[in-house]
PDB file of N, CA and C in Angstrom:
ATOM      1  N   MET A   1      -0.288  13.854  -2.380  1.00  0.00           N
ATOM      2  CA  MET A   1      -0.567  12.680  -0.666  1.00  0.00           C
ATOM      3  C   MET A   1       1.273  12.428  -0.243  1.00  0.00           C
ATOM      4  N   ILE A   2       0.422  13.271   1.121  1.00  0.00           N
ATOM      5  CA  ILE A   2       1.157  12.492   1.824  1.00  0.00           C
ATOM      6  C   ILE A   2       0.937  11.279   2.822  1.00  0.00           C
ATOM      7  N   VAL A   3       1.657  10.233   3.654  1.00  0.00           N
ATOM      8  CA  VAL A   3       1.170   8.961   3.835  1.00  0.00           C
ATOM      9  C   VAL A   3       1.885   8.622   5.588  1.00  0.00           C
ATOM     10  N   ASP A   4       1.507   9.272   6.342  1.00  0.00           N
ATOM     11  CA  ASP A   4       2.326   8.113   7.269  1.00  0.00           C
ATOM     12  C   ASP A   4       1.220   8.819   8.867  1.00  0.00           C
ATOM     13  N   ASP A   5       1.782   7.416   9.629  1.00  0.00           N
ATOM     14  CA  ASP A   5       0.735   8.134  10.559  1.00  0.00           C
ATOM     15  C   ASP A   5       1.302   8.631  11.993  1.00  0.00           C
ATOM     16  N   GLU A   6       2.896   9.300  11.411  1.00  0.00           N
ATOM     17  CA  GLU A   6       3.079   9.833  12.282  1.00  0.00           C
ATOM     18  C   GLU A   6       3.554  11.471  11.912  1.00  0.00           C
ATOM     19  N   SER A   7       2.264  12.708  12.474  1.00  0.00           N
ATOM     20  CA  SER A   7       1.789  14.066  11.304  1.00  0.00           C
ATOM     21  C   SER A   7       3.331  14.624  11.283  1.00  0.00           C
ATOM     22  N   ALA A   8       4.304  15.197  12.555  1.00  0.00           N
ATOM     23  CA  ALA A   8       5.366  15.588  12.468  1.00  0.00           C
ATOM     24  C   ALA A   8       6.221  15.076  10.735  1.00  0.00           C
ATOM     25  N   ILE A   9       6.115  14.087  10.069  1.00  0.00           N
ATOM     26  CA  ILE A   9       6.666  13.617   9.317  1.00  0.00           C
ATOM     27  C   ILE A   9       5.533  13.620   8.315  1.00  0.00           C
ATOM     28  N   ARG A  10       4.856  14.124   8.338  1.00  0.00           N
ATOM     29  CA  ARG A  10       3.627  15.114   7.326  1.00  0.00           C
ATOM     30  C   ARG A  10       4.543  16.614   6.843  1.00  0.00           C
ATOM     31  N   ASP A  11       4.060  16.635   8.765  1.00  0.00           N
ATOM     32  CA  ASP A  11       5.244  17.863   8.407  1.00  0.00           C
ATOM     33  C   ASP A  11       6.755  18.581   8.558  1.00  0.00           C
ATOM     34  N   ILE A  12       7.574  17.576   7.995  1.00  0.00           N
ATOM     35  CA  ILE A  12       8.690  17.354   7.565  1.00  0.00           C
ATOM     36  C   ILE A  12       8.289  17.620   6.192  1.00  0.00           C
ATOM     37  N   ILE A  13       7.931  16.594   5.492  1.00  0.00           N
ATOM     38  CA  ILE A  13       7.480  16.392   3.915  1.00  0.00           C
ATOM     39  C   ILE A  13       7.895  17.372   3.861  1.00  0.00           C
ATOM     40  N   LYS A  14       6.249  18.518   3.888  1.00  0.00           N
ATOM     41  CA  LYS A  14       5.728  19.669   3.842  1.00  0.00           C
ATOM     42  C   LYS A  14       6.930  20.827   4.134  1.00  0.00           C
ATOM     43  N   LEU A  15       7.309  20.624   4.855  1.00  0.00           N
ATOM     44  CA  LEU A  15       8.528  22.093   5.470  1.00  0.00           C
ATOM     45  C   LEU A  15       8.577  21.454   3.865  1.00  0.00           C
ATOM     46  N   PHE A  16       9.710  20.465   4.106  1.00  0.00           N
ATOM     47  CA  PHE A  16      10.758  20.009   2.531  1.00  0.00           C
ATOM     48  C   PHE A  16      10.646  20.651   0.993  1.00  0.00           C
ATOM     49  N   LEU A  17       9.299  20.741   1.411  1.00  0.00           N
ATOM     50  CA  LEU A  17       8.450  20.747  -0.420  1.00  0.00           C
ATOM     51  C   LEU A  17       8.435  22.052  -0.858  1.00  0.00           C
ATOM     52  N   GLY A  18       7.830  22.552   1.255  1.00  0.00           N
ATOM     53  CA  GLY A  18       7.324  24.644  -0.076  1.00  0.00           C
ATOM     54  C   GLY A  18       6.172  24.625   0.233  1.00  0.00           C
ATOM     55  N   VAL A  19       5.986  26.234  -0.491  1.00  0.00           N
ATOM     56  CA  VAL A  19       4.540  26.253  -1.043  1.00  0.00           C
ATOM     57  C   VAL A  19       4.344  26.005  -2.373  1.00  0.00           C
ATOM     58  N   ARG A  20       5.771  25.500  -3.149  1.00  0.00           N
ATOM     59  CA  ARG A  20       4.958  24.819  -4.279  1.00  0.00           C
ATOM     60  C   ARG A  20       4.030  23.752  -4.842  1.00  0.00           C
ATOM     61  N   TYR A  21       3.544  23.196  -3.683  1.00  0.00           N
ATOM     62  CA  TYR A  21       2.280  22.495  -3.689  1.00  0.00           C
ATOM     63  C   TYR A  21       1.897  22.029  -2.692  1.00  0.00           C
ATOM     64  N   GLN A  22       0.713  21.707  -3.067  1.00  0.00           N
ATOM     65  CA  GLN A  22      -0.556  21.540  -2.905  1.00  0.00           C
ATOM     66  C   GLN A  22      -0.767  19.978  -1.712  1.00  0.00           C
ATOM     67  N   PHE A  23      -0.974  19.910  -0.869  1.00  0.00           N
ATOM     68  CA  PHE A  23      -0.761  18.659  -0.117  1.00  0.00           C
ATOM     69  C   PHE A  23      -2.373  18.423   0.672  1.00  0.00           C
ATOM     70  N   ILE A  24      -2.522  17.008   0.078  1.00  0.00           N
ATOM     71  CA  ILE A  24      -3.966  16.094   1.199  1.00  0.00           C
ATOM     72  C   ILE A  24      -3.088  15.180   2.614  1.00  0.00           C
ATOM     73  N   ASP A  25      -3.239  14.857   3.092  1.00  0.00           N
ATOM     74  CA  ASP A  25      -3.112  13.569   3.884  1.00  0.00           C
ATOM     75  C   ASP A  25      -3.953  12.679   4.128  1.00  0.00           C
ATOM     76  N   ALA A  26      -2.981  11.522   4.690  1.00  0.00           N
ATOM     77  CA  ALA A  26      -3.994  10.459   4.807  1.00  0.00           C
ATOM     78  C   ALA A  26      -2.433   9.900   5.627  1.00  0.00           C
ATOM     79  N   ARG A  27      -3.758   9.009   7.205  1.00  0.00           N
ATOM     80  CA  ARG A  27      -2.614   8.430   8.327  1.00  0.00           C
ATOM     81  C   ARG A  27      -1.860   7.320   7.809  1.00  0.00           C
ATOM     82  N   ASP A  28      -2.939   6.533   7.395  1.00  0.00           N
ATOM     83  CA  ASP A  28      -2.855   5.335   7.043  1.00  0.00           C
ATOM     84  C   ASP A  28      -3.062   4.606   6.022  1.00  0.00           C
ATOM     85  N   GLY A  29      -3.221   3.162   5.205  1.00  0.00           N
ATOM     86  CA  GLY A  29      -3.198   3.274   3.832  1.00  0.00           C
ATOM     87  C   GLY A  29      -4.814   2.756   3.152  1.00  0.00           C
ATOM     88  N   VAL A  30      -6.063   2.388   4.345  1.00  0.00           N
ATOM     89  CA  VAL A  30      -6.781   2.445   4.042  1.00  0.00           C
ATOM     90  C   VAL A  30      -7.142   4.177   3.684  1.00  0.00           C
ATOM     91  N   GLU A  31      -6.511   5.429   4.926  1.00  0.00           N
ATOM     92  CA  GLU A  31      -7.371   6.754   3.947  1.00  0.00           C
ATOM     93  C   GLU A  31      -6.619   6.657   2.773  1.00  0.00           C
ATOM     94  N   ALA A  32      -5.053   6.616   2.911  1.00  0.00           N
ATOM     95  CA  ALA A  32      -4.658   6.642   1.325  1.00  0.00           C
ATOM     96  C   ALA A  32      -5.336   6.738  -0.233  1.00  0.00           C
ATOM     97  N   ILE A  33      -6.438   5.052  -0.157  1.00  0.00           N
ATOM     98  CA  ILE A  33      -6.811   4.741  -1.002  1.00  0.00           C
ATOM     99  C   ILE A  33      -8.300   5.629  -1.089  1.00  0.00           C
ATOM    100  N   GLU A  34      -8.565   5.513   0.410  1.00  0.00           N
ATOM    101  CA  GLU A  34      -9.733   6.050  -0.273  1.00  0.00           C
ATOM    102  C   GLU A  34      -9.872   8.089  -0.492  1.00  0.00           C
ATOM    103  N   LEU A  35      -8.363   8.394   0.112  1.00  0.00           N
ATOM    104  CA  LEU A  35      -8.070   9.953  -1.010  1.00  0.00           C
ATOM    105  C   LEU A  35      -7.634   9.835  -1.646  1.00  0.00           C
ATOM    106  N   TYR A  36      -7.248   9.212  -2.707  1.00  0.00           N
ATOM    107  CA  TYR A  36      -7.069   9.161  -3.537  1.00  0.00           C
ATOM    108  C   TYR A  36      -7.670   8.721  -4.991  1.00  0.00           C
ATOM    109  N   GLU A  37      -8.757   8.124  -4.610  1.00  0.00           N
ATOM    110  CA  GLU A  37      -9.740   7.661  -5.681  1.00  0.00           C
ATOM    111  C   GLU A  37     -11.159   9.158  -5.694  1.00  0.00           C
ATOM    112  N   LYS A  38     -10.896   9.846  -4.591  1.00  0.00           N
ATOM    113  CA  LYS A  38     -11.690  11.075  -4.351  1.00  0.00           C
ATOM    114  C   LYS A  38     -10.641  12.346  -5.501  1.00  0.00           C
ATOM    115  N   GLU A  39      -9.379  12.736  -4.938  1.00  0.00           N
ATOM    116  CA  GLU A  39      -9.074  13.555  -4.909  1.00  0.00           C
ATOM    117  C   GLU A  39      -7.338  13.171  -6.011  1.00  0.00           C
ATOM    118  N   ARG A  40      -6.806  11.997  -6.898  1.00  0.00           N
ATOM    119  CA  ARG A  40      -6.199  11.968  -7.602  1.00  0.00           C
ATOM    120  C   ARG A  40      -5.324  12.511  -7.604  1.00  0.00           C
ATOM    121  N   PRO A  41      -4.209  12.572  -6.609  1.00  0.00           N
ATOM    122  CA  PRO A  41      -3.123  14.492  -6.709  1.00  0.00           C
ATOM    123  C   PRO A  41      -1.813  13.396  -7.281  1.00  0.00           C
ATOM    124  N   ASP A  42      -1.313  14.298  -8.362  1.00  0.00           N
ATOM    125  CA  ASP A  42      -0.410  14.200  -9.074  1.00  0.00           C
ATOM    126  C   ASP A  42       0.581  13.165  -8.451  1.00  0.00           C
ATOM    127  N   LEU A  43       1.188  12.909  -7.229  1.00  0.00           N
ATOM    128  CA  LEU A  43       2.335  11.973  -6.621  1.00  0.00           C
ATOM    129  C   LEU A  43       1.918  11.909  -4.999  1.00  0.00           C
ATOM    130  N   VAL A  44       2.152  11.208  -4.153  1.00  0.00           N
ATOM    131  CA  VAL A  44       2.136   9.525  -3.154  1.00  0.00           C
ATOM    132  C   VAL A  44       3.452   9.856  -3.150  1.00  0.00           C
ATOM    133  N   ILE A  45       3.906  10.063  -1.053  1.00  0.00           N
ATOM    134  CA  ILE A  45       4.641  10.363  -0.724  1.00  0.00           C
ATOM    135  C   ILE A  45       4.518   9.042   0.512  1.00  0.00           C
ATOM    136  N   MET A  46       5.056   7.853   0.517  1.00  0.00           N
ATOM    137  CA  MET A  46       4.241   6.673   1.423  1.00  0.00           C
ATOM    138  C   MET A  46       5.270   6.550   2.165  1.00  0.00           C
ATOM    139  N   ASP A  47       4.589   5.706   3.285  1.00  0.00           N
ATOM    140  CA  ASP A  47       5.505   5.309   5.258  1.00  0.00           C
ATOM    141  C   ASP A  47       5.177   4.620   4.605  1.00  0.00           C
ATOM    142  N   ILE A  48       6.181   3.536   4.923  1.00  0.00           N
ATOM    143  CA  ILE A  48       5.484   1.411   4.961  1.00  0.00           C
ATOM    144  C   ILE A  48       4.886   0.897   6.219  1.00  0.00           C
ATOM    145  N   ARG A  49       5.212   1.519   7.764  1.00  0.00           N
ATOM    146  CA  ARG A  49       4.247   0.532   8.619  1.00  0.00           C
ATOM    147  C   ARG A  49       3.374   1.714   9.070  1.00  0.00           C
ATOM    148  N   MET A  50       2.047   1.699   9.164  1.00  0.00           N
ATOM    149  CA  MET A  50       1.350   2.315   8.898  1.00  0.00           C
ATOM    150  C   MET A  50      -0.643   1.705  10.184  1.00  0.00           C
ATOM    151  N   PRO A  51      -1.248   1.902  10.620  1.00  0.00           N
ATOM    152  CA  PRO A  51      -2.023   1.313  11.761  1.00  0.00           C
ATOM    153  C   PRO A  51      -2.784   0.380  10.142  1.00  0.00           C
ATOM    154  N   ARG A  52      -3.895   0.127  10.355  1.00  0.00           N
ATOM    155  CA  ARG A  52      -4.919  -0.504   9.515  1.00  0.00           C
ATOM    156  C   ARG A  52      -4.365  -1.062   8.004  1.00  0.00           C
ATOM    157  N   MET A  53      -3.757   0.016   7.576  1.00  0.00           N
ATOM    158  CA  MET A  53      -3.479  -1.382   6.097  1.00  0.00           C
ATOM    159  C   MET A  53      -1.972  -0.825   5.597  1.00  0.00           C
ATOM    160  N   ASN A  54      -0.665  -1.272   5.945  1.00  0.00           N
ATOM    161  CA  ASN A  54       0.352  -1.052   5.757  1.00  0.00           C
ATOM    162  C   ASN A  54       1.116   0.118   4.476  1.00  0.00           C
ATOM    163  N   GLY A  55       1.246   0.899   3.989  1.00  0.00           N
ATOM    164  CA  GLY A  55       1.840   1.101   2.572  1.00  0.00           C
ATOM    165  C   GLY A  55       2.538  -0.156   1.750  1.00  0.00           C
ATOM    166  N   VAL A  56       2.251  -1.502   1.726  1.00  0.00           N
ATOM    167  CA  VAL A  56       3.113  -2.902   0.708  1.00  0.00           C
ATOM    168  C   VAL A  56       1.746  -2.407   0.196  1.00  0.00           C
ATOM    169  N   GLU A  57       0.233  -2.908   0.820  1.00  0.00           N
ATOM    170  CA  GLU A  57      -1.251  -3.287   0.495  1.00  0.00           C
ATOM    171  C   GLU A  57      -1.787  -2.029  -0.134  1.00  0.00           C
ATOM    172  N   ALA A  58      -1.193  -0.455   0.220  1.00  0.00           N
ATOM    173  CA  ALA A  58      -1.930   0.847  -0.685  1.00  0.00           C
ATOM    174  C   ALA A  58      -2.065   0.876  -1.477  1.00  0.00           C
ATOM    175  N   ILE A  59      -0.005   0.564  -1.872  1.00  0.00           N
ATOM    176  CA  ILE A  59       0.532   0.935  -3.075  1.00  0.00           C
ATOM    177  C   ILE A  59      -0.343   0.047  -4.247  1.00  0.00           C
ATOM    178  N   LYS A  60      -0.483  -1.370  -3.609  1.00  0.00           N
ATOM    179  CA  LYS A  60      -0.655  -2.336  -4.826  1.00  0.00           C
ATOM    180  C   LYS A  60      -2.408  -2.189  -5.192  1.00  0.00           C
ATOM    181  N   LYS A  61      -3.156  -1.879  -3.576  1.00  0.00           N
ATOM    182  CA  LYS A  61      -4.355  -1.277  -3.791  1.00  0.00           C
ATOM    183  C   LYS A  61      -5.183   0.119  -5.071  1.00  0.00           C
ATOM    184  N   ILE A  62      -3.671   0.318  -4.935  1.00  0.00           N
ATOM    185  CA  ILE A  62      -4.053   1.694  -5.383  1.00  0.00           C
ATOM    186  C   ILE A  62      -3.409   1.510  -6.586  1.00  0.00           C
ATOM    187  N   LYS A  63      -2.142   1.146  -6.931  1.00  0.00           N
ATOM    188  CA  LYS A  63      -1.456   0.831  -8.401  1.00  0.00           C
ATOM    189  C   LYS A  63      -2.654  -0.043  -9.294  1.00  0.00           C
ATOM    190  N   ASP A  64      -3.421  -0.772  -8.786  1.00  0.00           N
ATOM    191  CA  ASP A  64      -4.606  -1.656  -9.276  1.00  0.00           C
ATOM    192  C   ASP A  64      -5.061  -1.077  -9.916  1.00  0.00           C
ATOM    193  N   ARG A  65      -5.493  -0.230  -9.498  1.00  0.00           N
ATOM    194  CA  ARG A  65      -6.743   0.329  -9.960  1.00  0.00           C
ATOM    195  C   ARG A  65      -6.757   2.711 -10.764  1.00  0.00           C
ATOM    196  N   PHE A  66      -5.003   1.995 -10.945  1.00  0.00           N
ATOM    197  CA  PHE A  66      -4.885   3.688 -11.118  1.00  0.00           C
ATOM    198  C   PHE A  66      -3.288   3.447 -11.340  1.00  0.00           C
ATOM    199  N   PRO A  67      -3.279   2.275 -13.175  1.00  0.00           N
ATOM    200  CA  PRO A  67      -1.251   1.958 -12.926  1.00  0.00           C
ATOM    201  C   PRO A  67      -0.759   2.919 -12.603  1.00  0.00           C
ATOM    202  N   ASP A  68      -0.844   3.979 -14.103  1.00  0.00           N
ATOM    203  CA  ASP A  68      -0.290   5.890 -13.590  1.00  0.00           C
ATOM    204  C   ASP A  68      -0.356   5.971 -12.315  1.00  0.00           C
ATOM    205  N   ALA A  69      -1.117   5.530 -10.918  1.00  0.00           N
ATOM    206  CA  ALA A  69       0.243   6.508  -9.943  1.00  0.00           C
ATOM    207  C   ALA A  69       1.572   6.661  -9.387  1.00  0.00           C
ATOM    208  N   LYS A  70       2.126   7.628  -9.376  1.00  0.00           N
ATOM    209  CA  LYS A  70       3.283   7.887  -8.926  1.00  0.00           C
ATOM    210  C   LYS A  70       3.601   7.566  -7.459  1.00  0.00           C
ATOM    211  N   ILE A  71       3.401   6.864  -6.548  1.00  0.00           N
ATOM    212  CA  ILE A  71       4.361   6.747  -5.201  1.00  0.00           C
ATOM    213  C   ILE A  71       5.690   6.505  -5.569  1.00  0.00           C
ATOM    214  N   ILE A  72       5.756   7.358  -3.787  1.00  0.00           N
ATOM    215  CA  ILE A  72       7.800   7.101  -3.034  1.00  0.00           C
ATOM    216  C   ILE A  72       7.659   6.535  -1.963  1.00  0.00           C
ATOM    217  N   VAL A  73       7.829   5.294  -1.889  1.00  0.00           N
ATOM    218  CA  VAL A  73       8.464   5.512  -0.540  1.00  0.00           C
ATOM    219  C   VAL A  73       9.289   5.708  -0.062  1.00  0.00           C
ATOM    220  N   LEU A  74       8.703   6.486   1.491  1.00  0.00           N
ATOM    221  CA  LEU A  74      10.150   6.993   2.105  1.00  0.00           C
ATOM    222  C   LEU A  74      10.106   6.129   3.101  1.00  0.00           C
ATOM    223  N   SER A  75      10.165   5.439   4.131  1.00  0.00           N
ATOM    224  CA  SER A  75      10.245   4.465   5.643  1.00  0.00           C
ATOM    225  C   SER A  75      11.660   3.784   5.516  1.00  0.00           C
ATOM    226  N   ALA A  76      11.897   4.142   7.411  1.00  0.00           N
ATOM    227  CA  ALA A  76      12.838   3.636   7.705  1.00  0.00           C
ATOM    228  C   ALA A  76      13.019   2.198   7.332  1.00  0.00           C
ATOM    229  N   TYR A  77      12.244   0.651   7.606  1.00  0.00           N
ATOM    230  CA  TYR A  77      11.986  -0.216   6.707  1.00  0.00           C
ATOM    231  C   TYR A  77      12.635  -0.360   5.358  1.00  0.00           C
ATOM    232  N   ALA A  78      13.134   0.370   4.755  1.00  0.00           N
ATOM    233  CA  ALA A  78      12.747  -0.649   3.622  1.00  0.00           C
ATOM    234  C   ALA A  78      14.172  -0.383   2.835  1.00  0.00           C
ATOM    235  N   ALA A  79      14.886  -0.819   3.691  1.00  0.00           N
ATOM    236  CA  ALA A  79      15.969  -1.448   3.224  1.00  0.00           C
ATOM    237  C   ALA A  79      15.675  -2.849   3.735  1.00  0.00           C
ATOM    238  N   GLY A  80      16.556  -3.760   2.775  1.00  0.00           N
ATOM    239  CA  GLY A  80      15.669  -4.791   2.158  1.00  0.00           C
ATOM    240  C   GLY A  80      14.639  -5.272   1.444  1.00  0.00           C
ATOM    241  N   LYS A  81      13.568  -4.015   1.103  1.00  0.00           N
ATOM    242  CA  LYS A  81      12.633  -4.634   1.028  1.00  0.00           C
ATOM    243  C   LYS A  81      12.019  -4.101  -0.059  1.00  0.00           C
ATOM    244  N   THR A  82      13.736  -3.155  -1.182  1.00  0.00           N
ATOM    245  CA  THR A  82      13.083  -2.908  -2.678  1.00  0.00           C
ATOM    246  C   THR A  82      12.664  -3.896  -3.614  1.00  0.00           C
ATOM    247  N   GLN A  83      12.856  -4.764  -3.385  1.00  0.00           N
ATOM    248  CA  GLN A  83      11.868  -6.055  -4.882  1.00  0.00           C
ATOM    249  C   GLN A  83      11.016  -5.947  -4.200  1.00  0.00           C
ATOM    250  N   GLU A  84      10.109  -6.274  -3.136  1.00  0.00           N
ATOM    251  CA  GLU A  84       8.768  -6.381  -2.300  1.00  0.00           C
ATOM    252  C   GLU A  84       8.525  -5.212  -2.844  1.00  0.00           C
ATOM    253  N   LEU A  85       8.552  -3.813  -2.881  1.00  0.00           N
ATOM    254  CA  LEU A  85       8.332  -2.533  -3.246  1.00  0.00           C
ATOM    255  C   LEU A  85       8.166  -2.196  -4.443  1.00  0.00           C
ATOM    256  N   LYS A  86       9.116  -2.686  -5.465  1.00  0.00           N
ATOM    257  CA  LYS A  86       8.444  -2.345  -6.262  1.00  0.00           C
ATOM    258  C   LYS A  86       7.912  -3.507  -7.287  1.00  0.00           C
ATOM    259  N   GLU A  87       7.961  -4.906  -7.253  1.00  0.00           N
ATOM    260  CA  GLU A  87       6.351  -5.460  -7.331  1.00  0.00           C
ATOM    261  C   GLU A  87       5.224  -4.692  -6.856  1.00  0.00           C
ATOM    262  N   ALA A  88       5.704  -4.148  -5.687  1.00  0.00           N
ATOM    263  CA  ALA A  88       3.800  -3.951  -5.643  1.00  0.00           C
ATOM    264  C   ALA A  88       3.491  -2.476  -6.354  1.00  0.00           C
ATOM    265  N   GLY A  89       4.689  -1.333  -7.025  1.00  0.00           N
ATOM    266  CA  GLY A  89       4.191  -0.978  -7.721  1.00  0.00           C
ATOM    267  C   GLY A  89       5.128   0.718  -7.431  1.00  0.00           C
ATOM    268  N   ALA A  90       5.660   0.945  -5.838  1.00  0.00           N
ATOM    269  CA  ALA A  90       6.160   2.335  -5.996  1.00  0.00           C
ATOM    270  C   ALA A  90       7.584   2.758  -7.167  1.00  0.00           C
ATOM    271  N   THR A  91       7.532   3.820  -6.936  1.00  0.00           N
ATOM    272  CA  THR A  91       8.163   4.608  -8.256  1.00  0.00           C
ATOM    273  C   THR A  91      10.024   4.911  -8.277  1.00  0.00           C
ATOM    274  N   ALA A  92       9.708   5.094  -6.631  1.00  0.00           N
ATOM    275  CA  ALA A  92      10.897   5.954  -5.763  1.00  0.00           C
ATOM    276  C   ALA A  92      11.067   4.984  -5.060  1.00  0.00           C
ATOM    277  N   ILE A  93      12.826   4.908  -4.040  1.00  0.00           N
ATOM    278  CA  ILE A  93      12.215   3.858  -2.734  1.00  0.00           C
ATOM    279  C   ILE A  93      13.098   5.350  -2.183  1.00  0.00           C
ATOM    280  N   LEU A  94      12.682   5.879  -0.958  1.00  0.00           N
ATOM    281  CA  LEU A  94      14.043   6.271  -0.509  1.00  0.00           C
ATOM    282  C   LEU A  94      13.510   5.827   1.489  1.00  0.00           C
ATOM    283  N   GLU A  95      15.413   5.567   1.700  1.00  0.00           N
ATOM    284  CA  GLU A  95      15.171   5.739   3.958  1.00  0.00           C
ATOM    285  C   GLU A  95      14.866   6.973   4.602  1.00  0.00           C
ATOM    286  N   LYS A  96      14.687   6.618   5.382  1.00  0.00           N
ATOM    287  CA  LYS A  96      13.734   8.032   5.883  1.00  0.00           C
ATOM    288  C   LYS A  96      15.898   7.707   6.655  1.00  0.00           C
ATOM    289  N   PRO A  97      16.018   7.757   7.458  1.00  0.00           N
ATOM    290  CA  PRO A  97      15.867   9.042   8.473  1.00  0.00           C
ATOM    291  C   PRO A  97      16.038  10.558   6.854  1.00  0.00           C
ATOM    292  N   LEU A  98      15.097  11.598   7.406  1.00  0.00           N
ATOM    293  CA  LEU A  98      14.293  12.283   5.619  1.00  0.00           C
ATOM    294  C   LEU A  98      15.268  13.103   4.787  1.00  0.00           C
ATOM    295  N   ARG A  99      15.761  12.833   4.444  1.00  0.00           N
ATOM    296  CA  ARG A  99      17.037  14.414   3.688  1.00  0.00           C
ATOM    297  C   ARG A  99      16.597  14.973   2.614  1.00  0.00           C
ATOM    298  N   ARG A 100      15.810  16.379   3.197  1.00  0.00           N
ATOM    299  CA  ARG A 100      15.450  17.151   1.820  1.00  0.00           C
ATOM    300  C   ARG A 100      15.883  17.035   0.451  1.00  0.00           C
ATOM    301  N   GLY A 101      17.610  16.611   0.348  1.00  0.00           N
ATOM    302  CA  GLY A 101      18.394  16.774  -0.291  1.00  0.00           C
ATOM    303  C   GLY A 101      17.153  15.293  -1.738  1.00  0.00           C
ATOM    304  N   LYS A 102      17.361  14.864  -0.510  1.00  0.00           N
ATOM    305  CA  LYS A 102      17.373  13.514  -1.842  1.00  0.00           C
ATOM    306  C   LYS A 102      15.530  13.297  -1.690  1.00  0.00           C
ATOM    307  N   VAL A 103      14.308  14.078  -1.115  1.00  0.00           N
ATOM    308  CA  VAL A 103      13.576  14.317  -1.414  1.00  0.00           C
ATOM    309  C   VAL A 103      13.082  15.011  -2.291  1.00  0.00           C
ATOM    310  N   LEU A 104      13.524  16.128  -2.214  1.00  0.00           N
ATOM    311  CA  LEU A 104      13.226  16.454  -3.105  1.00  0.00           C
ATOM    312  C   LEU A 104      13.666  16.289  -4.717  1.00  0.00           C
ATOM    313  N   GLU A 105      14.195  15.871  -4.896  1.00  0.00           N
ATOM    314  CA  GLU A 105      15.495  15.194  -6.155  1.00  0.00           C
ATOM    315  C   GLU A 105      13.859  13.695  -6.168  1.00  0.00           C
ATOM    316  N   ALA A 106      13.386  12.971  -5.344  1.00  0.00           N
ATOM    317  CA  ALA A 106      12.698  12.328  -6.067  1.00  0.00           C
ATOM    318  C   ALA A 106      11.706  13.194  -5.990  1.00  0.00           C
ATOM    319  N   VAL A 107      10.677  14.058  -5.532  1.00  0.00           N
ATOM    320  CA  VAL A 107       9.586  14.560  -5.916  1.00  0.00           C
ATOM    321  C   VAL A 107       9.291  14.653  -8.102  1.00  0.00           C
ATOM    322  N   ASN A 108      10.962  16.106  -7.767  1.00  0.00           N
ATOM    323  CA  ASN A 108      10.977  16.910  -8.385  1.00  0.00           C
ATOM    324  C   ASN A 108      10.600  15.548 -10.595  1.00  0.00           C
ATOM    325  N   GLU A 109      11.606  14.896 -10.081  1.00  0.00           N
ATOM    326  CA  GLU A 109      11.806  14.266 -11.060  1.00  0.00           C
ATOM    327  C   GLU A 109      11.095  13.513 -11.674  1.00  0.00           C
ATOM    328  N   LEU A 110      10.138  12.923 -11.239  1.00  0.00           N
ATOM    329  CA  LEU A 110       8.150  12.310 -10.935  1.00  0.00           C
ATOM    330  C   LEU A 110       7.820  13.300 -11.301  1.00  0.00           C
ATOM    331  N   LEU A 111       7.558  15.326 -10.751  1.00  0.00           N
ATOM    332  CA  LEU A 111       7.298  16.109 -11.284  1.00  0.00           C
ATOM    333  C   LEU A 111       6.896  15.977 -12.821  1.00  0.00           C
TER     334      LEU A 111
END
């Protein structure tokens, strides 16, 4: 599952990962929680700053219900928030701008 309020970012991540994977999209933390409960994706790639519910809160809520959830944070605002993100339950943390190699490496490591 790719969670980002910007559709262009979601599309770029899909291009990076190619046809090997199936994707579901969420535009914010509220949608992410709802979709996670329904679909139980193998992996979540989550932005931090989004409307309605930010990524940190969404991670906490997902991890409370599904402790084994694998969540990669991919955000321009991750710098300086590493401890908070890890405490929330992030499995891996990547900073924007997007780098194909880093995204692929993180996804392959977790799947």
